[in-house]
């Protein structure tokens, strides 16, 4: 735990995904909330998307951080801010494209979460 998912619109074809995931993981490790090996990150390129009613001219990257429930709102806000700072530094808007960067932190129900390690 945690699970981090970065979804991004396919018109961000210049996005360096692996370095972005490394930077996001580094921010989570720097928070002191997680052990490095507990962080699971992935990126999903979205070919089918729509921003508002526009078929072009817009892009987005959305990071969702799923955590076991129990952390304070203050901790979750700090994590959200740190991840957004990474997005701001790492994801640039292509010429002529309006870019939205956002972060969402969600709680996972602790009692029903199951994990197995081999």
Protein backbone atom coordinates (compact mmCIF):
# COMPACT_ATOMS: atom_id res chain seq x y z
CA UNK A 1 0.00 0.00 0.00
CA UNK A 2 -0.43 2.58 -1.48
CA UNK A 3 -1.61 2.12 -5.05
CA UNK A 4 -0.97 5.02 -7.42
CA UNK A 5 -2.61 5.23 -10.84
CA UNK A 6 -1.73 7.96 -13.32
CA UNK A 7 -4.20 8.26 -16.20
CA UNK A 8 -3.30 10.58 -19.05
CA UNK A 9 -4.78 11.61 -22.36
CA UNK A 10 -3.07 10.20 -25.43
CA UNK A 11 -2.31 13.64 -26.83
CA UNK A 12 0.41 13.88 -24.19
CA UNK A 13 2.52 11.69 -26.45
CA UNK A 14 5.72 13.40 -25.27
CA UNK A 15 5.09 12.33 -21.66
CA UNK A 16 8.06 10.49 -20.17
CA UNK A 17 6.01 7.96 -18.21
CA UNK A 18 8.75 5.98 -16.44
CA UNK A 19 10.52 9.11 -15.08
CA UNK A 20 7.13 10.48 -13.99
CA UNK A 21 6.36 7.30 -12.02
CA UNK A 22 9.82 7.43 -10.43
CA UNK A 23 9.26 11.05 -9.38
CA UNK A 24 5.79 10.32 -7.99
CA UNK A 25 7.15 7.35 -6.02
CA UNK A 26 10.02 9.50 -4.72
CA UNK A 27 7.51 12.06 -3.43
CA UNK A 28 5.59 9.32 -1.62
CA UNK A 29 8.78 7.94 -0.08
CA UNK A 30 9.88 11.44 0.97
CA UNK A 31 6.57 11.90 2.81
CA UNK A 32 7.69 9.34 5.39
CA UNK A 33 4.30 7.63 5.19
CA UNK A 34 5.34 4.57 3.15
CA UNK A 35 8.11 2.04 2.66
CA UNK A 36 9.42 2.05 -0.91
CA UNK A 37 8.51 -1.59 -1.62
CA UNK A 38 4.92 -1.02 -0.54
CA UNK A 39 4.24 1.52 -3.31
CA UNK A 40 2.60 0.12 -6.46
CA UNK A 41 2.41 2.59 -9.35
CA UNK A 42 1.11 2.35 -12.87
CA UNK A 43 0.27 4.64 -15.76
CA UNK A 44 -2.61 4.26 -18.17
CA UNK A 45 -2.68 6.05 -21.52
CA UNK A 46 -6.25 6.85 -22.51
CA UNK A 47 -6.94 6.83 -26.23
CA UNK A 48 -10.68 7.37 -25.80
CA UNK A 49 -11.43 10.47 -23.74
CA UNK A 50 -13.28 13.76 -23.90
CA UNK A 51 -12.68 17.02 -22.03
CA UNK A 52 -15.95 18.90 -21.84
CA UNK A 53 -17.43 18.82 -25.32
CA UNK A 54 -14.15 19.38 -27.16
CA UNK A 55 -12.64 16.65 -29.30
CA UNK A 56 -9.26 18.38 -29.36
CA UNK A 57 -7.26 21.16 -27.78
CA UNK A 58 -7.36 19.73 -24.25
CA UNK A 59 -5.27 17.24 -22.31
CA UNK A 60 -5.18 15.91 -18.78
CA UNK A 61 -3.24 13.81 -16.33
CA UNK A 62 -5.08 12.50 -13.28
CA UNK A 63 -3.27 10.79 -10.42
CA UNK A 64 -5.29 8.69 -8.01
CA UNK A 65 -3.68 7.58 -4.76
CA UNK A 66 -5.48 4.77 -2.97
CA UNK A 67 -4.54 4.38 0.71
CA UNK A 68 -5.68 2.18 3.54
CA UNK A 69 -8.14 4.24 5.56
CA UNK A 70 -6.96 5.92 8.73
CA UNK A 71 -4.70 8.79 7.72
CA UNK A 72 -5.72 12.30 8.70
CA UNK A 73 -7.01 14.88 6.25
CA UNK A 74 -3.82 16.86 6.91
CA UNK A 75 -1.63 13.94 5.81
CA UNK A 76 -3.79 13.27 2.74
CA UNK A 77 -3.67 16.95 1.77
CA UNK A 78 0.13 16.96 2.09
CA UNK A 79 0.37 13.87 -0.11
CA UNK A 80 -1.95 15.43 -2.70
CA UNK A 81 0.07 18.65 -2.73
CA UNK A 82 3.37 16.78 -3.10
CA UNK A 83 2.06 14.71 -6.01
CA UNK A 84 0.60 17.76 -7.75
CA UNK A 85 3.98 19.51 -7.44
CA UNK A 86 5.54 16.56 -9.27
CA UNK A 87 2.92 16.78 -12.02
CA UNK A 88 3.47 20.52 -12.37
CA UNK A 89 7.22 19.97 -12.71
CA UNK A 90 7.13 16.90 -14.96
CA UNK A 91 4.12 17.30 -17.26
CA UNK A 92 4.18 20.21 -19.69
CA UNK A 93 1.35 21.21 -21.98
CA UNK A 94 2.02 20.67 -25.68
CA UNK A 95 1.80 23.79 -27.85
CA UNK A 96 -1.80 24.87 -28.35
CA UNK A 97 -3.16 22.41 -25.78
CA UNK A 98 -4.85 23.32 -22.49
CA UNK A 99 -3.62 20.91 -19.81
CA UNK A 100 -5.33 19.96 -16.56
CA UNK A 101 -3.31 18.22 -13.84
CA UNK A 102 -5.13 16.80 -10.84
CA UNK A 103 -4.64 14.48 -7.87
CA UNK A 104 -7.24 12.50 -5.94
CA UNK A 105 -6.58 10.68 -2.66
CA UNK A 106 -9.00 7.91 -1.73
CA UNK A 107 -9.39 5.62 1.25
CA UNK A 108 -9.53 1.86 0.86
CA UNK A 109 -11.70 0.05 3.37
CA UNK A 110 -9.10 -1.45 5.72
CA UNK A 111 -11.18 -4.41 6.91
CA UNK A 112 -11.86 -5.71 3.41
CA UNK A 113 -8.41 -5.15 1.85
CA UNK A 114 -6.51 -8.40 1.24
CA UNK A 115 -2.90 -8.90 0.15
CA UNK A 116 -0.69 -11.90 -0.47
CA UNK A 117 3.07 -11.84 -0.99
CA UNK A 118 5.21 -14.67 -2.24
